[in-house]
Protein backbone atom coordinates (compact mmCIF):
# COMPACT_ATOMS: atom_id res chain seq x y z
CA UNK A 1 27.36 30.31 1.71
CA UNK A 2 26.80 32.11 -1.73
CA UNK A 3 28.52 35.45 -2.03
CA UNK A 4 25.63 37.00 -4.23
CA UNK A 5 23.18 37.04 -1.46
CA UNK A 6 22.84 39.76 1.31
CA UNK A 7 23.89 38.58 4.71
CA UNK A 8 20.53 38.69 6.22
CA UNK A 9 19.15 36.44 3.42
CA UNK A 10 22.20 34.13 3.99
CA UNK A 11 21.55 33.73 7.60
CA UNK A 12 17.65 32.99 7.14
CA UNK A 13 18.52 30.50 4.54
CA UNK A 14 20.94 28.60 6.52
CA UNK A 15 18.62 28.51 9.46
CA UNK A 16 15.89 27.06 7.17
CA UNK A 17 18.33 24.38 5.78
CA UNK A 18 19.63 23.51 9.30
CA UNK A 19 16.06 23.12 10.81
CA UNK A 20 15.13 21.01 7.85
CA UNK A 21 18.02 18.60 8.21
CA UNK A 22 17.50 18.52 12.01
CA UNK A 23 13.91 17.59 11.47
CA UNK A 24 14.90 14.74 9.13
CA UNK A 25 17.68 13.62 11.66
CA UNK A 26 15.06 13.50 14.42
CA UNK A 27 12.42 11.78 12.50
CA UNK A 28 14.77 9.04 11.25
CA UNK A 29 16.41 8.52 14.60
CA UNK A 30 15.69 5.02 16.26
CA UNK A 31 13.57 4.94 19.41
CA UNK A 32 12.37 8.50 19.03
CA UNK A 33 9.01 8.70 20.62
CA UNK A 34 8.10 12.29 19.54
CA UNK A 35 9.00 11.66 15.97
CA UNK A 36 6.16 13.30 14.14
CA UNK A 37 5.76 16.19 16.62
CA UNK A 38 9.41 17.27 16.53
CA UNK A 39 9.38 16.81 12.81
CA UNK A 40 6.38 19.19 12.27
CA UNK A 41 7.75 21.89 14.74
CA UNK A 42 11.27 21.89 13.05
CA UNK A 43 9.80 21.90 9.43
CA UNK A 44 7.57 24.77 10.43
CA UNK A 45 10.50 26.69 11.56
CA UNK A 46 12.33 25.71 8.28
CA UNK A 47 9.54 26.84 5.99
CA UNK A 48 8.95 30.07 7.96
CA UNK A 49 12.78 30.93 7.64
CA UNK A 50 12.75 29.98 3.98
CA UNK A 51 9.80 32.28 3.20
CA UNK A 52 11.33 35.12 5.18
CA UNK A 53 14.63 34.67 3.22
CA UNK A 54 12.66 34.77 -0.08
CA UNK A 55 10.81 37.80 0.98
CA UNK A 56 14.06 39.53 2.23
CA UNK A 57 15.63 38.89 -1.15
CA UNK A 58 12.64 40.27 -3.07
CA UNK A 59 12.16 43.35 -0.85
CA UNK A 60 8.75 42.27 0.50
CA UNK A 61 7.98 43.79 3.93
CA UNK A 62 7.12 40.61 6.04
CA UNK A 63 6.14 42.29 9.11
CA UNK A 64 2.79 42.69 11.09
CA UNK A 65 1.32 46.21 11.33
CA UNK A 66 -0.39 48.27 13.91
CA UNK A 67 -2.33 51.01 12.06
CA UNK A 68 0.27 52.55 9.58
CA UNK A 69 3.34 51.32 11.52
CA UNK A 70 4.95 47.94 11.72
CA UNK A 71 4.47 46.12 14.97
CA UNK A 72 7.70 45.80 17.31
CA UNK A 73 8.34 43.30 20.09
CA UNK A 74 11.36 43.82 22.27
CA UNK A 75 12.66 46.38 19.75
CA UNK A 76 12.33 43.94 16.71
CA UNK A 77 9.83 44.00 14.07
CA UNK A 78 7.33 41.18 14.40
CA UNK A 79 7.75 39.05 11.38
CA UNK A 80 4.84 36.96 9.74
CA UNK A 81 4.15 33.66 10.96
CA UNK A 82 3.96 30.69 8.57
CA UNK A 83 0.26 31.22 7.79
CA UNK A 84 0.94 34.83 6.63
CA UNK A 85 3.77 33.76 4.68
CA UNK A 86 1.70 31.27 2.85
CA UNK A 87 -0.92 33.98 1.91
CA UNK A 88 1.88 36.06 0.31
CA UNK A 89 3.88 33.52 -1.47
CA UNK A 90 0.96 31.64 -2.92
CA UNK A 91 -1.20 34.74 -3.62
CA UNK A 92 -1.39 34.04 -7.33
CA UNK A 93 -3.08 30.74 -6.38
CA UNK A 94 -1.63 28.68 -9.29
CA UNK A 95 -3.14 25.35 -10.04
CA UNK A 96 0.15 23.48 -9.80
CA UNK A 97 0.98 25.06 -6.46
CA UNK A 98 -2.38 24.42 -4.72
CA UNK A 99 -1.22 20.93 -3.47
CA UNK A 100 1.90 22.30 -2.11
CA UNK A 101 0.09 25.11 -0.22
CA UNK A 102 -2.55 22.68 1.08
CA UNK A 103 0.31 20.32 2.24
CA UNK A 104 1.92 23.01 4.37
CA UNK A 105 -1.51 24.33 5.53
CA UNK A 106 -2.24 20.63 6.95
CA UNK A 107 0.64 21.02 9.41
CA UNK A 108 -0.07 24.60 10.75
CA UNK A 109 -2.91 23.68 13.06
CA UNK A 110 -1.10 20.41 14.02
CA UNK A 111 1.74 22.55 14.99
CA UNK A 112 -0.53 24.69 17.23
CA UNK A 113 -2.22 21.68 18.76
CA UNK A 114 0.83 19.47 19.49
CA UNK A 115 2.25 21.59 22.46
CA UNK A 116 4.84 18.88 22.88
CA UNK A 117 2.57 16.11 23.68
CA UNK A 118 3.56 12.52 23.38
CA UNK A 119 2.01 11.24 20.14
CA UNK A 120 3.58 8.31 18.41
CA UNK A 121 0.29 7.12 17.16
CA UNK A 122 0.33 9.84 14.48
CA UNK A 123 3.40 8.63 12.67
CA UNK A 124 2.00 6.07 10.33
CA UNK A 125 -1.11 8.13 9.73
CA UNK A 126 0.66 11.25 8.38
CA UNK A 127 3.76 9.80 6.75
CA UNK A 128 2.69 10.78 3.22
CA UNK A 129 2.00 14.34 4.07
CA UNK A 130 5.41 14.49 6.09
CA UNK A 131 7.37 13.14 3.18
CA UNK A 132 5.64 15.52 0.60
CA UNK A 133 6.54 18.41 3.25
CA UNK A 134 10.14 17.67 2.78
CA UNK A 135 10.00 17.41 -1.01
CA UNK A 136 8.07 20.73 -1.12
CA UNK A 137 10.76 22.42 1.06
CA UNK A 138 13.42 21.16 -1.45
CA UNK A 139 11.27 22.22 -4.42
CA UNK A 140 10.85 25.78 -3.25
CA UNK A 141 14.51 26.16 -2.12
CA UNK A 142 15.68 25.11 -5.55
CA UNK A 143 13.11 27.18 -7.40
CA UNK A 144 14.06 30.38 -5.40
CA UNK A 145 17.79 29.90 -4.89
CA UNK A 146 19.05 27.35 -7.35
CA UNK A 147 21.12 24.17 -7.23
CA UNK A 148 23.87 25.42 -5.07
CA UNK A 149 21.57 25.80 -2.04
CA UNK A 150 19.73 22.49 -2.40
CA UNK A 151 20.11 19.86 0.32
CA UNK A 152 19.22 16.68 -1.62
CA UNK A 153 22.91 15.17 -1.30
CA UNK A 154 22.62 15.58 2.54
CA UNK A 155 19.63 13.39 2.75
CA UNK A 156 19.42 9.63 2.53
CA UNK A 157 16.75 6.95 2.93
CA UNK A 158 16.26 5.76 6.41
CA UNK A 159 16.72 2.00 6.94
CA UNK A 160 13.70 0.08 8.03
CA UNK A 161 13.57 -3.10 10.01
CA UNK A 162 10.02 -4.04 9.10
CA UNK A 163 8.34 -4.18 5.77
CA UNK A 164 5.08 -2.65 7.19
CA UNK A 165 5.12 0.09 9.83
CA UNK A 166 3.77 -1.33 13.11
CA UNK A 167 3.25 1.08 15.90
CA UNK A 168 3.48 -1.35 18.81
CA UNK A 169 3.82 1.42 21.38
CA UNK A 170 0.51 2.85 20.37
CA UNK A 171 -1.13 -0.50 20.67
CA UNK A 172 0.16 -0.79 24.31
CA UNK A 173 -0.98 2.77 25.13
CA UNK A 174 -4.50 2.68 23.69
CA UNK A 175 -6.00 2.88 27.18
CA UNK A 176 -3.93 5.99 27.62
CA UNK A 177 -5.22 7.87 24.77
CA UNK A 178 -6.17 11.43 25.72
CA UNK A 179 -8.91 13.78 24.46
CA UNK A 180 -6.23 16.10 22.94
CA UNK A 181 -4.86 13.27 20.81
CA UNK A 182 -8.33 12.41 19.42
CA UNK A 183 -8.86 16.11 18.67
CA UNK A 184 -5.61 16.12 16.61
CA UNK A 185 -6.87 13.05 14.79
CA UNK A 186 -10.25 14.60 14.18
CA UNK A 187 -8.50 17.68 12.46
CA UNK A 188 -6.55 15.44 10.16
CA UNK A 189 -9.60 13.61 9.19
CA UNK A 190 -11.64 16.81 8.61
CA UNK A 191 -8.86 18.61 6.68
CA UNK A 192 -8.48 15.75 4.20
CA UNK A 193 -12.15 15.47 3.71
CA UNK A 194 -12.49 19.08 2.41
CA UNK A 195 -9.53 18.69 0.00
CA UNK A 196 -10.41 18.37 -3.76
CA UNK A 197 -9.80 14.80 -5.01
CA UNK A 198 -7.13 16.00 -7.49
CA UNK A 199 -5.35 17.85 -4.67
CA UNK A 200 -5.45 14.92 -2.28
CA UNK A 201 -4.02 12.48 -4.87
CA UNK A 202 -1.15 14.83 -5.84
CA UNK A 203 2.20 13.64 -4.76
CA UNK A 204 2.90 17.27 -3.73
CA UNK A 205 0.18 16.98 -1.18
CA UNK A 206 0.89 13.66 0.11
CA UNK A 207 3.68 11.62 -1.03
CA UNK A 208 2.77 7.73 -1.53
CA UNK A 209 5.07 5.09 -2.85
CA UNK A 210 5.21 1.44 -3.42
CA UNK A 211 8.49 -0.33 -2.30
CA UNK A 212 9.35 -3.26 -4.41
CA UNK A 213 12.35 -5.56 -4.20
CA UNK A 214 14.65 -4.89 -7.01
CA UNK A 215 16.60 -7.85 -8.52
CA UNK A 216 20.13 -7.47 -9.78
CA UNK A 217 21.25 -9.70 -12.57
CA UNK A 218 24.76 -8.77 -12.81
CA UNK A 219 26.85 -8.70 -9.70
CA UNK A 220 29.87 -6.93 -11.23
CA UNK A 221 27.70 -4.11 -12.45
CA UNK A 222 27.19 -1.01 -10.30
CA UNK A 223 23.50 -0.87 -9.30
CA UNK A 224 21.30 1.54 -7.60
CA UNK A 225 19.53 0.11 -4.52
CA UNK A 226 16.82 2.66 -5.08
CA UNK A 227 15.58 4.30 -8.31
CA UNK A 228 12.73 6.76 -8.78
CA UNK A 229 10.16 6.50 -11.31
CA UNK A 230 8.67 9.99 -11.71
CA UNK A 231 4.95 10.23 -12.42
CA UNK A 232 4.24 12.91 -14.96
CA UNK A 233 1.00 12.76 -17.15
CA UNK A 234 2.87 15.05 -19.67
CA UNK A 235 5.46 12.41 -20.46
CA UNK A 236 4.17 9.25 -21.96
CA UNK A 237 7.20 7.20 -21.36
CA UNK A 238 7.16 7.80 -17.70
CA UNK A 239 3.50 7.23 -17.59
CA UNK A 240 4.22 3.81 -19.38
CA UNK A 241 6.71 2.80 -16.50
CA UNK A 242 4.06 3.83 -13.96
CA UNK A 243 1.30 1.78 -15.62
CA UNK A 244 3.64 -1.26 -15.75
CA UNK A 245 4.25 -0.91 -11.99
CA UNK A 246 0.52 -0.59 -11.14
CA UNK A 247 -0.23 -3.40 -13.49
CA UNK A 248 2.29 -5.59 -11.47
CA UNK A 249 0.65 -4.78 -8.21
CA UNK A 250 -2.92 -5.23 -9.43
CA UNK A 251 -1.83 -8.74 -10.74
CA UNK A 252 -0.57 -9.62 -7.31
CA UNK A 253 -3.87 -8.79 -5.57
CA UNK A 254 -6.22 -10.18 -8.32
CA UNK A 255 -6.83 -13.60 -6.62
CA UNK A 256 -8.50 -11.74 -3.58
CA UNK A 257 -12.10 -11.32 -4.13
CA UNK A 258 -13.65 -7.94 -3.47
CA UNK A 259 -10.29 -6.73 -2.12
CA UNK A 260 -10.79 -3.33 -0.22
CA UNK A 261 -14.59 -3.54 -0.05
CA UNK A 262 -16.55 -3.33 3.11
CA UNK A 263 -19.82 -4.97 4.24
CA UNK A 264 -22.64 -2.96 5.45
CA UNK A 265 -21.90 -3.56 9.11
CA UNK A 266 -18.29 -2.36 8.78
CA UNK A 267 -19.54 0.69 6.98
CA UNK A 268 -21.98 1.47 9.76
CA UNK A 269 -19.54 0.93 12.55
CA UNK A 270 -16.92 3.30 10.81
CA UNK A 271 -19.45 5.91 10.05
CA UNK A 272 -20.92 5.84 13.57
CA UNK A 273 -17.48 6.41 15.23
CA UNK A 274 -17.11 9.74 13.38
CA UNK A 275 -20.88 10.80 13.91
CA UNK A 276 -20.38 10.29 17.66
CA UNK A 277 -17.76 12.97 17.84
CA UNK A 278 -20.29 15.46 16.48
CA UNK A 279 -23.53 14.36 17.80
CA UNK A 280 -22.81 12.30 20.94
CA UNK A 281 -22.69 8.65 21.87
CA UNK A 282 -26.33 8.22 21.95
CA UNK A 283 -26.59 8.72 18.03
CA UNK A 284 -27.79 5.64 16.25
CA UNK A 285 -26.32 4.44 12.95
CA UNK A 286 -26.99 0.80 12.31
CA UNK A 287 -26.37 -1.28 9.06
CA UNK A 288 -30.04 -2.54 8.50
CA UNK A 289 -31.79 0.70 9.24
CA UNK A 290 -29.77 3.81 9.14
CA UNK A 291 -27.19 2.74 6.50
CA UNK A 292 -29.94 1.24 4.51
CA UNK A 293 -31.80 4.61 4.48
CA UNK A 294 -28.65 6.41 3.31
CA UNK A 295 -28.35 4.00 0.36
CA UNK A 296 -31.87 4.59 -0.46
CA UNK A 297 -31.57 8.30 -0.04
CA UNK A 298 -28.44 8.73 -2.28
CA UNK A 299 -29.53 5.96 -4.78
CA UNK A 300 -26.51 3.65 -4.21
CA UNK A 301 -28.30 0.46 -4.71
CA UNK A 302 -31.17 -0.46 -7.13
CA UNK A 303 -34.89 -0.32 -6.25
CA UNK A 304 -36.74 -3.46 -5.88
CA UNK A 305 -37.33 -5.08 -9.20
CA UNK A 306 -34.40 -3.48 -10.87
CA UNK A 307 -31.21 -5.53 -11.86
CA UNK A 308 -29.10 -6.05 -8.79
CA UNK A 309 -26.12 -4.93 -10.70
CA UNK A 310 -27.51 -1.39 -11.25
CA UNK A 311 -25.40 0.18 -8.43
CA UNK A 312 -23.46 3.43 -7.99
CA UNK A 313 -20.07 1.75 -8.50
CA UNK A 314 -18.04 4.44 -6.93
CA UNK A 315 -19.77 3.46 -3.73
CA UNK A 316 -21.24 -0.07 -4.02
CA UNK A 317 -21.13 -3.27 -6.04
CA UNK A 318 -23.23 -6.43 -6.07
CA UNK A 319 -21.40 -9.65 -4.95
CA UNK A 320 -23.26 -12.33 -6.91
CA UNK A 321 -21.26 -15.18 -5.27
CA UNK A 322 -22.47 -14.13 -1.74
CA UNK A 323 -25.60 -12.47 -2.96
CA UNK A 324 -25.14 -9.17 -1.06
CA UNK A 325 -23.77 -5.75 -1.50
CA UNK A 326 -20.25 -4.60 -0.62
CA UNK A 327 -19.11 -0.89 -0.24
CA UNK A 328 -16.03 1.14 -0.89
CA UNK A 329 -13.93 3.34 1.41
CA UNK A 330 -15.01 6.35 -0.83
CA UNK A 331 -18.73 5.57 0.41
CA UNK A 332 -17.65 5.71 4.05
CA UNK A 333 -15.85 9.03 3.44
CA UNK A 334 -18.89 10.39 1.55
CA UNK A 335 -21.24 9.43 4.34
CA UNK A 336 -19.02 10.86 7.09
CA UNK A 337 -18.62 14.11 5.19
CA UNK A 338 -22.27 14.63 4.47
CA UNK A 339 -23.80 13.23 7.72
CA UNK A 340 -21.56 15.54 9.69
CA UNK A 341 -23.83 18.36 8.25
CA UNK A 342 -26.48 18.54 10.81
CA UNK A 343 -29.08 19.72 8.32
CA UNK A 344 -28.51 16.73 5.97
CA UNK A 345 -28.39 14.43 8.91
CA UNK A 346 -31.70 15.33 10.23
CA UNK A 347 -33.21 15.36 6.70
CA UNK A 348 -32.44 11.59 6.49
CA UNK A 349 -33.01 10.90 10.27
CA UNK A 350 -35.53 13.46 11.61
CA UNK A 351 -36.32 11.20 14.43
CA UNK A 352 -32.92 11.57 15.89
CA UNK A 353 -33.33 15.26 16.62
CA UNK A 354 -33.78 14.78 20.14
CA UNK A 355 -30.73 12.69 20.45
CA UNK A 356 -28.61 15.47 19.04
CA UNK A 357 -30.16 18.07 21.25
CA UNK A 358 -29.53 15.80 24.34
CA UNK A 359 -25.91 16.24 23.70
CA UNK A 360 -26.10 19.93 24.44
């Protein structure tokens, strides 16, 4: 440990780093059934200890108050929990730090909801946020305490058996899903929906990568198995590399017609699943009636007599080969977000008011 730091700061810093490494160790351990849950709990401890170390170093009083006095429990001052630490550390609300703050905030309600439940089904759904959480920990650690306290050299990539993550255990246990797990998934969906698009797409909020096989041309040359191409819009050369990578991926999927688009029936099915959570299972949302009404309400498709290609292309395009309209995932998210607002829902479907009230 560094000699330049007070003993209390050193102890908190070591606790933070050890908790982080233990979180990674648990997450990467084969056959772990509580992977994401354990990772979230340990990383919450790691971040809380890290912020306490930062505040201790800066002389910030990070304790709860009762009136004019600091609150005590068993003779010890009650230190701020993670949510209070975020308010203090990110109080300047700098634009570049918003994705980091949102990434950490994403996990606080999850930490409170988990309560040590078995939940392997979440692993694949929140991997991006989990990976970004680790990067953000390292970023703040380096920013506040310098290179000598970073833990990058202690971390390695976990080895994968499969090219795609397939949660076979969750498939076997679909019948055993409990209400608490669905509530956790609902929180994840609602948290993401309220994020600004720029924050959601930022790597500091959710780390998203493409893994491509790397070909070595010289067997005698030392070669890295993994290389990072950093995405930075302020650096044209790195942007160029990123563009080449994306161009390669797009070239690979080009032969697939309307890749990633959905038919009206698929949209209606996905939207209804979310609406049922808010309004009950009697709610109606069919493709030819309700979905069509939404398209008309939001002017997604052209009116009768107008060119069929006149669509809102963020949400819908016309397929001239099959002579029908197909829709984007953004349209599904848009509908779920807006129709979850009871006032908007009833404005479009006033005849369903009784169905909503019947849930009560």
